[in-house]
Each structure stands twice: as structure tokens, then as C-alpha cells.
């Protein structure tokens, strides 16, 4: 059995292969070939949660056990801790244990980039990433790999993130959000209040990946109400997407599965929003790439 730490897990998950496998999982899910129950959520102390996320295909089964503690940043500790266990569906033999935070960060960014592939009006040239944690870092890395033509600005949630200088991107203070016309905005925070200022994002493609509970709201309700909206997982979004709930969007939304199957956005000039809450199907896709099953 392989045991991969964070660095080894990152090396095992190249962006192009990961995006291709996420698309394949979308097709299999649409065809009813996967078993992926809603994730179990157990509240923990200090505003934390424990997530248990299984998914099964004919050949590979995974379970992710991950804890999320948004207050850990103030303690100098990681916000996300956990692991993904991959096993052979036919024999139950354990094949690998993958680093949970790294796998989550990379598969989430791959899901975002697959959505961008289907929803962007053009290849993004000016991008704003809001957030300073692991998800923001991973999204910047993915964008630099897949969209090297893009100029990326990063607005940290609390100060300038350390990775801004490391990756050679542009820091942006919150008061300067309205300075540019953005092609793409990615919000990757656990904020409970909108992180975009009024008018910012209108007419662009906006992706929300950080808010995964009903009490978390990154995206302004008024931006959502006037937009075309897609989600990564309709079942999970109805239960967990605080952004959508705050905007009064309680009905099921179109999904990434629909986009991969050929659905296209309406060309009406409206803002396009992709809301991602995460699900075990994306972990299965990543595990397939990592263990090549």
C-alpha cells in the first residue's frame, strides 16, 4: 500500500489528468455508474467540522476523513487535516493513503478549471483570487499552469498571503477590487459575509469555492440573484451552499455534470456563477489519477 504525504500527493495529481478524470467522473455519475452518498458532517469544537465522504465505482472505492477548523489560522495550525483511503472495490484491499488537504486543494482547483473551460466567454486574461489559504494557493498554481496568459491578482482575507511573492502574482487591497474589469473571480474563503464589493463581478465569471456551510456567505446575494448559476453537486449545494441560501436560491441548480454533457450558458451578458461545495466524486477522480486504477 502506498502512503503519500502532501508533496507526493501533489506530484501524483497533475492538473491536465485531474481535469480529464473529473470530467470522466461527471459522465459516469450522470449514467448512474457511481455510488456517492451525501457526506456526513459532524460538528466539532471551536467551530470545526468532521467530514466523512465515501464514493464507489466498479474498480475503486475511496473514503475521505477530513476535519476543517477555520479558527486554526490564528493558532498557526492548518485549517484542513485529513486523509483519503483508496481501496480495490472488488477485494477491499487498501491501495493507497493520500494526503487529504493536498488532494482536496488540487481536486477543487481542477473542478474550478473544468467549469471555467465550459463557462468562460474567452480565455481569462485578468483574474482576481480572494483568499489567502490553501485553496487560494492551489487555485493560483492551477491557473498559472492551465492559463499562463492570465494576470492574477490576489486579495488576502487577512493581509498579503505568503504565496503571492513566491508565485509572482499581484497583491490587491480590498478597496481596489473595482479597479479592473475581471474576466474571472475566484473566492476561496470561509467568510460569513460577502467578500466582493457592490458591482464587482457583474458580467464576469465568478466562482465560489470557500463557503461550504449554510452560515458561510462569500458571494453577494444581489450578484447571485441576477446571474446564471451552476453548481458542482446539486444535492450538496441545496444542503450546504450558504451563498445560494442567502440569495433565496433554494431550487436545484444546473450542474457540472450538465456542462460536461453539453449544456451551454445562455449568451445574454449576465454574470455566470459556479458554486462549488465539494463532494466525494471529486476525491474519487483524484484517487484514480494518483493510483492509476
Protein backbone atom coordinates (compact mmCIF):
# COMPACT_ATOMS: atom_id res chain seq x y z
CA UNK A 1 0.00 0.00 0.00
CA UNK A 2 1.27 3.44 -0.93
CA UNK A 3 1.31 6.19 1.69
CA UNK A 4 1.71 9.60 0.08
CA UNK A 5 2.47 12.75 2.02
CA UNK A 6 1.42 16.20 0.80
CA UNK A 7 4.29 16.68 -1.64
CA UNK A 8 3.95 13.17 -3.09
CA UNK A 9 0.18 13.60 -3.42
CA UNK A 10 0.70 16.86 -5.34
CA UNK A 11 3.17 15.19 -7.71
CA UNK A 12 0.68 12.37 -8.32
CA UNK A 13 -2.07 14.80 -9.38
CA UNK A 14 -1.05 16.78 -12.50
CA UNK A 15 -3.66 19.34 -13.48
CA UNK A 16 -4.46 18.13 -17.00
CA UNK A 17 -5.00 14.50 -15.97
CA UNK A 18 -7.01 15.59 -12.94
CA UNK A 19 -9.35 17.75 -15.04
CA UNK A 20 -9.84 14.89 -17.52
CA UNK A 21 -10.71 12.45 -14.73
CA UNK A 22 -13.15 14.88 -13.10
CA UNK A 23 -14.93 15.13 -16.47
CA UNK A 24 -15.00 11.33 -16.74
CA UNK A 25 -16.48 11.03 -13.25
CA UNK A 26 -19.17 13.54 -14.27
CA UNK A 27 -20.12 11.30 -17.18
CA UNK A 28 -20.18 8.16 -15.03
CA UNK A 29 -22.27 9.84 -12.36
CA UNK A 30 -24.77 11.00 -14.95
CA UNK A 31 -25.02 7.42 -16.21
CA UNK A 32 -25.65 6.07 -12.70
CA UNK A 33 -22.38 4.17 -12.50
CA UNK A 34 -21.16 5.62 -9.19
CA UNK A 35 -22.40 5.32 -5.62
CA UNK A 36 -21.80 8.61 -3.83
CA UNK A 37 -23.98 9.27 -0.77
CA UNK A 38 -24.17 12.74 0.79
CA UNK A 39 -21.26 13.41 3.08
CA UNK A 40 -21.70 13.03 6.81
CA UNK A 41 -20.99 16.21 8.77
CA UNK A 42 -20.21 16.13 12.48
CA UNK A 43 -19.80 19.47 14.30
CA UNK A 44 -16.61 19.71 16.34
CA UNK A 45 -15.41 22.14 18.97
CA UNK A 46 -14.01 25.58 18.10
CA UNK A 47 -16.30 25.98 15.07
CA UNK A 48 -14.84 22.89 13.42
CA UNK A 49 -16.47 20.08 11.46
CA UNK A 50 -15.58 16.49 10.68
CA UNK A 51 -16.49 15.34 7.15
CA UNK A 52 -16.81 11.66 6.18
CA UNK A 53 -17.05 11.25 2.40
CA UNK A 54 -17.26 7.82 0.68
CA UNK A 55 -17.64 7.08 -3.05
CA UNK A 56 -17.59 3.82 -5.01
CA UNK A 57 -17.00 2.90 -8.64
CA UNK A 58 -16.72 -0.59 -10.15
CA UNK A 59 -12.97 -0.76 -9.57
CA UNK A 60 -12.06 1.83 -6.93
CA UNK A 61 -13.65 2.95 -3.67
CA UNK A 62 -12.50 5.88 -1.54
CA UNK A 63 -13.32 7.35 1.82
CA UNK A 64 -12.13 10.78 2.88
CA UNK A 65 -11.94 11.68 6.56
CA UNK A 66 -11.23 15.38 6.92
CA UNK A 67 -11.60 17.97 9.65
CA UNK A 68 -11.98 21.69 8.95
CA UNK A 69 -11.23 24.26 11.67
CA UNK A 70 -11.46 27.84 10.32
CA UNK A 71 -10.10 29.26 13.59
CA UNK A 72 -6.85 27.29 13.34
CA UNK A 73 -5.16 30.02 11.31
CA UNK A 74 -4.94 32.20 14.42
CA UNK A 75 -3.16 29.32 16.19
CA UNK A 76 -0.64 28.74 13.41
CA UNK A 77 -2.24 25.39 12.58
CA UNK A 78 -3.60 24.06 9.27
CA UNK A 79 -7.29 24.74 8.65
CA UNK A 80 -7.77 21.34 6.99
CA UNK A 81 -6.44 17.98 8.21
CA UNK A 82 -7.24 14.52 6.92
CA UNK A 83 -6.57 11.64 4.60
CA UNK A 84 -8.14 9.74 1.70
CA UNK A 85 -8.06 5.94 1.74
CA UNK A 86 -8.30 4.25 -1.67
CA UNK A 87 -9.20 0.56 -1.92
CA UNK A 88 -9.99 -2.01 -4.57
CA UNK A 89 -13.80 -2.27 -4.88
CA UNK A 90 -13.57 -5.95 -5.80
CA UNK A 91 -11.35 -7.17 -2.96
CA UNK A 92 -11.34 -4.43 -0.34
CA UNK A 93 -7.56 -4.33 -0.38
CA UNK A 94 -6.15 -0.95 0.56
CA UNK A 95 -4.21 0.58 -2.30
CA UNK A 96 -3.13 3.97 -1.01
CA UNK A 97 -3.49 6.59 1.69
CA UNK A 98 -3.32 10.10 0.21
CA UNK A 99 -2.84 13.41 1.94
CA UNK A 100 -6.35 14.81 2.46
CA UNK A 101 -5.66 18.58 2.41
CA UNK A 102 -3.45 18.41 -0.69
CA UNK A 103 -5.84 16.13 -2.57
CA UNK A 104 -8.76 18.37 -1.63
CA UNK A 105 -6.96 21.52 -2.72
CA UNK A 106 -5.91 20.14 -6.08
CA UNK A 107 -9.17 18.41 -6.98
CA UNK A 108 -11.14 21.53 -6.02
CA UNK A 109 -8.98 23.67 -8.29
CA UNK A 110 -9.35 21.11 -11.07
CA UNK A 111 -13.15 21.23 -10.69
CA UNK A 112 -12.98 25.03 -10.94
CA UNK A 113 -10.85 24.95 -14.06
CA UNK A 114 -13.13 22.42 -15.71
CA UNK A 115 -16.06 24.75 -15.01
CA UNK A 116 -14.06 27.69 -16.39
CA UNK A 117 -13.40 25.66 -19.53
CA UNK A 118 -17.14 25.39 -20.11
CA UNK A 119 -18.36 28.76 -18.80
CA UNK A 120 -15.71 31.35 -19.66
CA UNK A 121 -16.56 33.62 -22.58
CA UNK A 122 -12.87 33.69 -23.50
CA UNK A 123 -9.58 32.53 -22.06
CA UNK A 124 -9.22 34.57 -18.85
CA UNK A 125 -6.64 37.35 -19.02
CA UNK A 126 -7.34 39.23 -15.78
CA UNK A 127 -8.17 37.14 -12.73
CA UNK A 128 -8.92 38.02 -9.11
CA UNK A 129 -8.45 35.38 -6.40
CA UNK A 130 -9.88 36.32 -2.99
CA UNK A 131 -8.39 34.30 -0.15
CA UNK A 132 -5.08 33.58 1.47
CA UNK A 133 -5.19 29.91 2.40
CA UNK A 134 -4.53 26.53 0.83
CA UNK A 135 -7.43 26.74 -1.63
CA UNK A 136 -6.41 30.17 -2.89
CA UNK A 137 -2.80 28.99 -3.25
CA UNK A 138 -3.83 25.88 -5.16
CA UNK A 139 -6.12 27.84 -7.50
CA UNK A 140 -3.31 30.25 -8.35
CA UNK A 141 -0.98 27.34 -9.13
CA UNK A 142 -3.64 25.72 -11.33
CA UNK A 143 -4.33 28.97 -13.18
CA UNK A 144 -0.63 29.55 -13.82
CA UNK A 145 -0.34 26.05 -15.27
CA UNK A 146 -3.51 25.97 -17.40
CA UNK A 147 -3.88 29.69 -18.21
CA UNK A 148 -0.35 31.11 -18.36
CA UNK A 149 -1.67 34.13 -20.31
CA UNK A 150 -3.63 35.36 -17.28
CA UNK A 151 -2.54 38.17 -14.98
CA UNK A 152 -3.52 37.07 -11.49
CA UNK A 153 -4.27 39.42 -8.59
CA UNK A 154 -4.69 38.06 -5.06
CA UNK A 155 -6.61 39.71 -2.26
CA UNK A 156 -5.76 38.02 1.01
CA UNK A 157 -8.50 37.58 3.56
CA UNK A 158 -6.18 38.98 6.25
CA UNK A 159 -3.14 40.69 4.76
CA UNK A 160 -0.99 39.64 1.81
CA UNK A 161 -0.59 35.83 1.61
CA UNK A 162 2.97 34.49 1.66
CA UNK A 163 2.47 32.68 -1.64
CA UNK A 164 1.91 35.95 -3.54
CA UNK A 165 5.64 36.70 -3.71
CA UNK A 166 6.54 33.03 -4.06
CA UNK A 167 4.35 32.57 -7.15
CA UNK A 168 4.96 36.03 -8.61
CA UNK A 169 1.36 37.27 -8.65
CA UNK A 170 -0.01 40.72 -7.86
CA UNK A 171 -1.36 41.61 -4.39
CA UNK A 172 -4.58 43.62 -4.39
CA UNK A 173 -6.06 45.55 -1.44
CA UNK A 174 -9.83 45.10 -0.95
CA UNK A 175 -10.57 48.73 -1.80
CA UNK A 176 -9.10 48.18 -5.29
CA UNK A 177 -11.47 45.38 -6.34
CA UNK A 178 -13.36 47.74 -8.65
CA UNK A 179 -10.22 48.99 -10.37
CA UNK A 180 -10.23 46.33 -13.10
CA UNK A 181 -12.72 44.57 -15.37
CA UNK A 182 -12.25 40.97 -14.33
CA UNK A 183 -12.69 38.00 -16.67
CA UNK A 184 -12.68 35.58 -13.75
CA UNK A 185 -13.07 35.95 -9.99
CA UNK A 186 -12.44 33.06 -7.59
CA UNK A 187 -13.48 33.37 -3.94
CA UNK A 188 -11.79 30.89 -1.62
CA UNK A 189 -12.56 31.97 1.94
CA UNK A 190 -14.69 30.74 4.82
CA UNK A 191 -16.18 34.20 5.26
CA UNK A 192 -19.65 34.69 6.69
CA UNK A 193 -20.12 38.00 4.87
CA UNK A 194 -19.70 38.71 1.14
CA UNK A 195 -16.10 39.35 0.13
CA UNK A 196 -16.92 41.16 -3.13
CA UNK A 197 -17.85 44.84 -3.13
CA UNK A 198 -21.06 46.07 -4.79
CA UNK A 199 -20.83 45.85 -8.58
CA UNK A 200 -17.64 43.76 -8.61
CA UNK A 201 -18.06 40.66 -10.75
CA UNK A 202 -21.03 41.83 -12.80
CA UNK A 203 -20.80 40.36 -16.29
CA UNK A 204 -17.81 38.17 -15.35
CA UNK A 205 -17.43 34.50 -14.46
CA UNK A 206 -17.42 34.23 -10.65
CA UNK A 207 -16.51 31.02 -8.80
CA UNK A 208 -17.19 30.43 -5.10
CA UNK A 209 -15.29 27.54 -3.51
CA UNK A 210 -14.68 28.51 0.12
CA UNK A 211 -18.14 28.58 1.70
CA UNK A 212 -19.29 25.03 2.39
CA UNK A 213 -21.81 25.56 5.20
CA UNK A 214 -25.16 27.28 5.34
CA UNK A 215 -23.75 30.02 7.60
CA UNK A 216 -20.90 30.89 5.21
CA UNK A 217 -21.50 33.52 2.52
CA UNK A 218 -18.75 34.72 0.16
CA UNK A 219 -20.83 35.94 -2.77
CA UNK A 220 -23.20 38.94 -2.59
CA UNK A 221 -26.86 37.83 -2.78
CA UNK A 222 -27.65 40.56 -5.32
CA UNK A 223 -24.92 39.23 -7.63
CA UNK A 224 -26.37 35.71 -7.45
CA UNK A 225 -29.98 36.74 -7.98
CA UNK A 226 -29.22 38.29 -11.36
CA UNK A 227 -26.84 35.59 -12.60
CA UNK A 228 -26.83 32.29 -14.44
CA UNK A 229 -25.84 29.75 -11.76
CA UNK A 230 -24.25 26.31 -11.87
CA UNK A 231 -23.07 24.09 -9.01
CA UNK A 232 -20.64 21.21 -8.71
CA UNK A 233 -23.09 19.00 -6.77
CA UNK A 234 -26.82 19.85 -6.71
CA UNK A 235 -27.59 17.69 -3.67
CA UNK A 236 -24.75 19.09 -1.62
CA UNK A 237 -25.42 22.64 -2.74
CA UNK A 238 -29.03 22.52 -1.58
CA UNK A 239 -27.89 21.47 1.89
CA UNK A 240 -24.65 23.40 2.28
CA UNK A 241 -24.30 26.35 -0.11
CA UNK A 242 -24.82 29.32 2.19
CA UNK A 243 -24.27 31.68 -0.73
CA UNK A 244 -27.30 30.29 -2.56
CA UNK A 245 -29.45 30.17 0.56
CA UNK A 246 -28.71 33.79 1.40
CA UNK A 247 -29.81 34.73 -2.12
CA UNK A 248 -33.04 32.73 -1.80
CA UNK A 249 -31.98 30.19 -4.43
CA UNK A 250 -33.28 27.00 -2.84
CA UNK A 251 -34.26 25.10 -6.01
CA UNK A 252 -31.78 22.68 -7.66
CA UNK A 253 -29.33 24.39 -9.98
CA UNK A 254 -27.75 23.15 -13.21
CA UNK A 255 -24.56 21.21 -12.54
CA UNK A 256 -21.06 20.48 -13.75
CA UNK A 257 -22.42 17.14 -14.99
CA UNK A 258 -24.76 19.10 -17.28
CA UNK A 259 -21.91 21.21 -18.64
CA UNK A 260 -19.75 18.17 -19.37
CA UNK A 261 -22.76 16.57 -21.09
CA UNK A 262 -23.00 19.54 -23.47
CA UNK A 263 -25.20 22.18 -21.81
CA UNK A 264 -24.12 25.70 -22.72
CA UNK A 265 -24.76 29.00 -20.95
CA UNK A 266 -27.18 31.45 -22.48
CA UNK A 267 -25.39 34.29 -24.24
CA UNK A 268 -27.28 37.13 -22.58
CA UNK A 269 -24.48 39.14 -20.96
CA UNK A 270 -25.43 38.12 -17.43
CA UNK A 271 -22.91 37.19 -14.76
CA UNK A 272 -22.06 33.49 -14.72
CA UNK A 273 -21.55 31.91 -11.31
CA UNK A 274 -20.18 28.49 -10.47
CA UNK A 275 -20.69 27.45 -6.85
CA UNK A 276 -18.61 24.55 -5.54
CA UNK A 277 -19.23 22.84 -2.20
CA UNK A 278 -17.23 19.70 -2.91
CA UNK A 279 -18.23 16.03 -2.94
CA UNK A 280 -16.58 12.64 -2.78
CA UNK A 281 -16.84 12.13 -6.55
CA UNK A 282 -14.02 14.63 -7.00
CA UNK A 283 -11.94 12.74 -4.42
CA UNK A 284 -12.57 9.53 -6.37
CA UNK A 285 -11.35 11.22 -9.55
CA UNK A 286 -8.17 12.34 -7.80
CA UNK A 287 -7.54 8.92 -6.29
CA UNK A 288 -7.91 7.31 -9.73
CA UNK A 289 -5.23 9.60 -11.10
CA UNK A 290 -2.93 9.01 -8.13
CA UNK A 291 -3.14 5.21 -8.08
CA UNK A 292 -3.85 4.77 -11.81
CA UNK A 293 -6.88 2.48 -11.36
